[in-house]
Amino acid sequence: MADEVVLLDFWASAFGMRVRIALAEKGISYEYKEEDLSNKSPLLLQMNPVHKKIPVLIHNGKPICESLIVVQYIDEVWHDTNPLLPSDPYQRAQARFWADYVDKKIYDLGKKVFLTSKGEEKEAAKKEFIEALRLLEEQLGEKIYFGGDDLGFVDIALIPFYTWFEAFETFGNLNVESECPKLISWVKRCLQKESVAKSLPDQHKVHELIAEIRKKLGFE
């Protein structure tokens, strides 16, 4: 019997993009179900009753939640195609560490950049955000990808946030490429991969969505 794979997601979610890239890297066919986050479906509430968040991967009726856990699950179940995590235990632990760093730093600091209006507070958020990106740039070093010669776990964790860079730059008044040129070169290499290019939405559409959110929150 063929695997039944369903993804509950929202088009602009960087976390959902991770899962889409992982599925594409593995060549897995799946049913995509777009969620309205202001009116969550009964299926989402049933499949993720604890956090009630996307993305949720439903594999043969069983739900897997939290994007990094989902990507690891995909890698383990479909392990014969394009491994995403290294086989070496130490390297595997390091990949998990830096992917977790992306979650704890890039996501939270990025939100501060475009959802902070006060001068000093905004400048502090910008500085910390750029410092976090530079640290990741150091980890990349001279490698093609964080995973080495092939797209890997850390690449998949980080590349979706590229779609938010236009909003970071506009509302945070910063330029990521001038601050982190090697990171942007890495972005361009990632975008050459079909699995990435077809899984990421247009930056302008994400920018428009974030502008709407800012307006609703009284920042405009």
Protein backbone atom coordinates (compact mmCIF):
# COMPACT_ATOMS: atom_id res chain seq x y z
CA MET A 1 0.00 0.00 0.00
CA ALA A 2 1.35 3.43 -0.95
CA ASP A 3 2.12 5.95 1.77
CA GLU A 4 -0.63 8.51 2.34
CA VAL A 5 1.00 11.86 3.12
CA VAL A 6 -0.91 15.05 3.90
CA LEU A 7 0.58 18.42 4.89
CA LEU A 8 -1.44 20.99 6.85
CA ASP A 9 0.30 24.28 6.24
CA PHE A 10 0.08 28.03 5.59
CA TRP A 11 1.76 29.40 2.47
CA ALA A 12 3.87 32.08 4.23
CA SER A 13 5.03 29.93 7.14
CA ALA A 14 8.81 29.55 7.20
CA PHE A 15 8.26 26.45 9.31
CA GLY A 16 5.97 24.93 6.72
CA MET A 17 8.46 25.75 3.96
CA ARG A 18 10.99 23.52 5.73
CA VAL A 19 8.68 20.55 5.43
CA ARG A 20 7.88 21.32 1.78
CA ILE A 21 11.61 21.44 0.94
CA ALA A 22 12.29 18.16 2.79
CA LEU A 23 9.44 16.41 0.99
CA ALA A 24 10.67 17.77 -2.35
CA GLU A 25 14.24 16.63 -1.61
CA LYS A 26 12.93 13.14 -0.96
CA GLY A 27 10.63 13.17 -4.00
CA ILE A 28 7.56 12.40 -1.89
CA SER A 29 4.10 13.05 -3.31
CA TYR A 30 1.65 14.52 -0.83
CA GLU A 31 -1.66 16.32 -0.48
CA TYR A 32 -1.30 19.96 0.53
CA LYS A 33 -4.04 21.52 2.65
CA GLU A 34 -3.85 25.28 3.19
CA GLU A 35 -4.97 26.40 6.64
CA ASP A 36 -6.74 29.63 7.53
CA LEU A 37 -4.92 30.50 10.75
CA SER A 38 -7.72 32.80 11.86
CA ASN A 39 -10.22 29.95 11.48
CA LYS A 40 -8.33 26.70 12.02
CA SER A 41 -9.81 23.58 10.52
CA PRO A 42 -11.25 20.76 12.65
CA LEU A 43 -8.58 18.50 11.11
CA LEU A 44 -5.74 20.74 12.35
CA LEU A 45 -7.26 20.94 15.85
CA GLN A 46 -7.68 17.16 15.85
CA MET A 47 -4.17 16.43 14.59
CA ASN A 48 -2.35 18.98 16.76
CA PRO A 49 -4.57 19.42 19.84
CA VAL A 50 -1.71 20.60 22.06
CA HIS A 51 -0.27 23.56 20.12
CA LYS A 52 -2.93 23.88 17.40
CA LYS A 53 -0.24 25.06 14.96
CA ILE A 54 0.99 24.28 11.49
CA PRO A 55 2.82 22.56 9.95
CA VAL A 56 1.44 19.11 10.63
CA LEU A 57 2.50 16.14 8.53
CA ILE A 58 -0.04 13.34 8.50
CA HIS A 59 1.58 10.05 7.45
CA ASN A 60 -0.85 7.16 7.02
CA GLY A 61 -3.26 8.87 9.42
CA LYS A 62 -0.67 9.63 12.11
CA PRO A 63 0.28 13.27 12.83
CA ILE A 64 3.83 14.57 13.30
CA CYS A 65 4.14 18.16 14.57
CA GLU A 66 6.87 20.82 14.99
CA SER A 67 8.81 21.56 11.80
CA LEU A 68 12.28 20.35 12.78
CA ILE A 69 10.84 17.14 14.22
CA VAL A 70 8.84 16.66 11.01
CA VAL A 71 11.95 17.13 8.84
CA GLN A 72 13.88 14.60 10.96
CA TYR A 73 10.95 12.18 10.67
CA ILE A 74 10.91 12.55 6.89
CA ASP A 75 14.66 11.92 6.78
CA GLU A 76 14.38 8.79 8.90
CA VAL A 77 11.38 7.26 7.14
CA TRP A 78 12.61 7.93 3.61
CA HIS A 79 16.29 7.48 4.46
CA ASP A 80 17.33 5.94 1.14
CA THR A 81 16.97 9.22 -0.78
CA ASN A 82 19.03 12.41 -0.27
CA PRO A 83 19.95 12.11 3.45
CA LEU A 84 19.39 15.41 5.25
CA LEU A 85 21.18 14.66 8.51
CA PRO A 86 24.75 13.29 8.64
CA SER A 87 25.31 9.70 9.73
CA ASP A 88 28.13 10.65 12.12
CA PRO A 89 26.63 11.14 15.63
CA TYR A 90 28.70 14.25 16.43
CA GLN A 91 27.94 15.96 13.13
CA ARG A 92 24.29 15.00 13.55
CA ALA A 93 24.22 16.61 17.00
CA GLN A 94 25.89 19.75 15.62
CA ALA A 95 23.31 20.01 12.84
CA ARG A 96 20.49 19.76 15.37
CA PHE A 97 22.17 22.40 17.54
CA TRP A 98 22.42 24.97 14.72
CA ALA A 99 18.92 24.26 13.46
CA ASP A 100 17.67 24.90 16.99
CA TYR A 101 19.74 28.11 17.04
CA VAL A 102 17.89 29.26 13.91
CA ASP A 103 14.57 28.68 15.71
CA LYS A 104 15.62 30.44 18.90
CA LYS A 105 17.46 33.38 17.31
CA ILE A 106 16.55 34.14 13.69
CA TYR A 107 12.80 33.73 14.12
CA ASP A 108 12.48 35.61 17.40
CA LEU A 109 14.95 38.39 16.51
CA GLY A 110 13.48 38.76 13.03
CA LYS A 111 10.05 39.38 14.51
CA LYS A 112 11.52 42.03 16.78
CA VAL A 113 13.08 43.78 13.77
CA PHE A 114 9.78 44.34 11.98
CA LEU A 115 7.45 44.51 14.99
CA THR A 116 9.39 47.05 17.07
CA SER A 117 8.76 50.76 16.62
CA LYS A 118 10.85 52.39 19.37
CA GLY A 119 14.20 53.78 18.17
CA GLU A 120 16.67 52.35 20.68
CA GLU A 121 14.79 49.08 21.00
CA LYS A 122 14.67 48.67 17.20
CA GLU A 123 18.39 49.45 16.82
CA ALA A 124 19.21 46.86 19.50
CA ALA A 125 17.04 44.27 17.74
CA LYS A 126 18.72 45.00 14.38
CA LYS A 127 22.19 44.68 15.90
CA GLU A 128 21.38 41.38 17.57
CA PHE A 129 19.72 40.03 14.41
CA ILE A 130 22.75 40.83 12.24
CA GLU A 131 25.10 39.35 14.84
CA ALA A 132 23.07 36.12 14.77
CA LEU A 133 23.28 36.00 10.96
CA ARG A 134 27.03 36.65 11.06
CA LEU A 135 27.52 33.77 13.48
CA LEU A 136 25.70 31.50 11.06
CA GLU A 137 27.85 32.88 8.26
CA GLU A 138 30.93 31.86 10.27
CA GLN A 139 29.53 28.36 10.66
CA LEU A 140 28.99 28.15 6.91
CA GLY A 141 32.61 29.13 6.31
CA GLU A 142 33.78 28.13 2.82
CA LYS A 143 31.33 25.24 2.49
CA ILE A 144 28.80 25.15 -0.36
CA TYR A 145 25.99 24.37 2.07
CA PHE A 146 25.83 24.06 5.84
CA GLY A 147 25.50 20.34 5.12
CA GLY A 148 28.72 20.33 3.08
CA ASP A 149 28.43 19.52 -0.61
CA ASP A 150 24.71 18.78 -0.36
CA LEU A 151 21.70 20.57 1.06
CA GLY A 152 21.19 19.43 4.64
CA PHE A 153 19.24 19.87 7.84
CA VAL A 154 20.59 23.32 8.80
CA ASP A 155 20.13 24.62 5.26
CA ILE A 156 16.49 23.53 5.32
CA ALA A 157 16.02 25.12 8.76
CA LEU A 158 17.40 28.49 7.66
CA ILE A 159 16.63 29.06 3.96
CA PRO A 160 12.86 29.69 4.42
CA PHE A 161 13.64 32.87 6.38
CA TYR A 162 15.13 34.32 3.20
CA THR A 163 11.53 34.94 2.10
CA TRP A 164 11.20 37.35 5.04
CA PHE A 165 14.41 39.26 4.28
CA GLU A 166 12.66 41.92 2.19
CA ALA A 167 10.37 42.69 5.12
CA PHE A 168 13.30 42.69 7.56
CA GLU A 169 15.14 45.16 5.33
CA THR A 170 12.15 47.43 4.70
CA PHE A 171 10.76 47.64 8.20
CA GLY A 172 14.11 47.27 9.97
CA ASN A 173 16.01 49.63 7.65
CA LEU A 174 18.90 47.22 7.12
CA ASN A 175 20.65 45.47 4.22
CA VAL A 176 21.38 41.80 4.79
CA GLU A 177 23.59 41.42 1.71
CA SER A 178 25.94 44.24 2.72
CA GLU A 179 26.16 42.86 6.26
CA CYS A 180 26.39 39.16 5.37
CA PRO A 181 27.49 38.74 1.72
CA LYS A 182 28.56 35.09 2.09
CA LEU A 183 25.15 34.22 3.50
CA ILE A 184 23.42 35.77 0.48
CA SER A 185 25.75 33.82 -1.84
CA TRP A 186 24.61 30.69 0.02
CA VAL A 187 20.96 31.77 -0.48
CA LYS A 188 21.55 32.04 -4.24
CA ARG A 189 23.06 28.54 -4.32
CA CYS A 190 20.06 27.16 -2.42
CA LEU A 191 17.64 28.83 -4.84
CA GLN A 192 19.29 27.01 -7.72
CA LYS A 193 17.89 23.80 -6.29
CA GLU A 194 14.41 23.00 -7.58
CA SER A 195 13.33 21.64 -4.19
CA VAL A 196 13.99 25.05 -2.65
CA ALA A 197 12.90 27.34 -5.48
CA LYS A 198 9.51 25.64 -5.83
CA SER A 199 8.89 25.51 -2.08
CA LEU A 200 9.47 29.19 -1.26
CA PRO A 201 6.85 31.87 -1.94
CA ASP A 202 7.65 35.23 -3.52
CA GLN A 203 9.35 37.66 -1.13
CA HIS A 204 7.03 40.47 -2.23
CA LYS A 205 3.93 38.49 -1.22
CA VAL A 206 5.45 37.79 2.21
CA HIS A 207 6.37 41.48 2.51
CA GLU A 208 2.75 42.45 1.77
CA LEU A 209 1.47 40.01 4.39
CA ILE A 210 3.83 41.37 7.05
CA ALA A 211 2.83 44.94 6.12
CA GLU A 212 -0.81 43.95 6.73
CA ILE A 213 0.11 42.41 10.09
CA ARG A 214 1.99 45.57 11.09
CA LYS A 215 -1.01 47.69 10.10
CA LYS A 216 -3.39 45.55 12.17
CA LEU A 217 -1.04 45.86 15.14
CA GLY A 218 -0.92 49.65 14.80
CA PHE A 219 2.62 50.03 13.44
CA GLU A 220 1.54 51.83 10.26
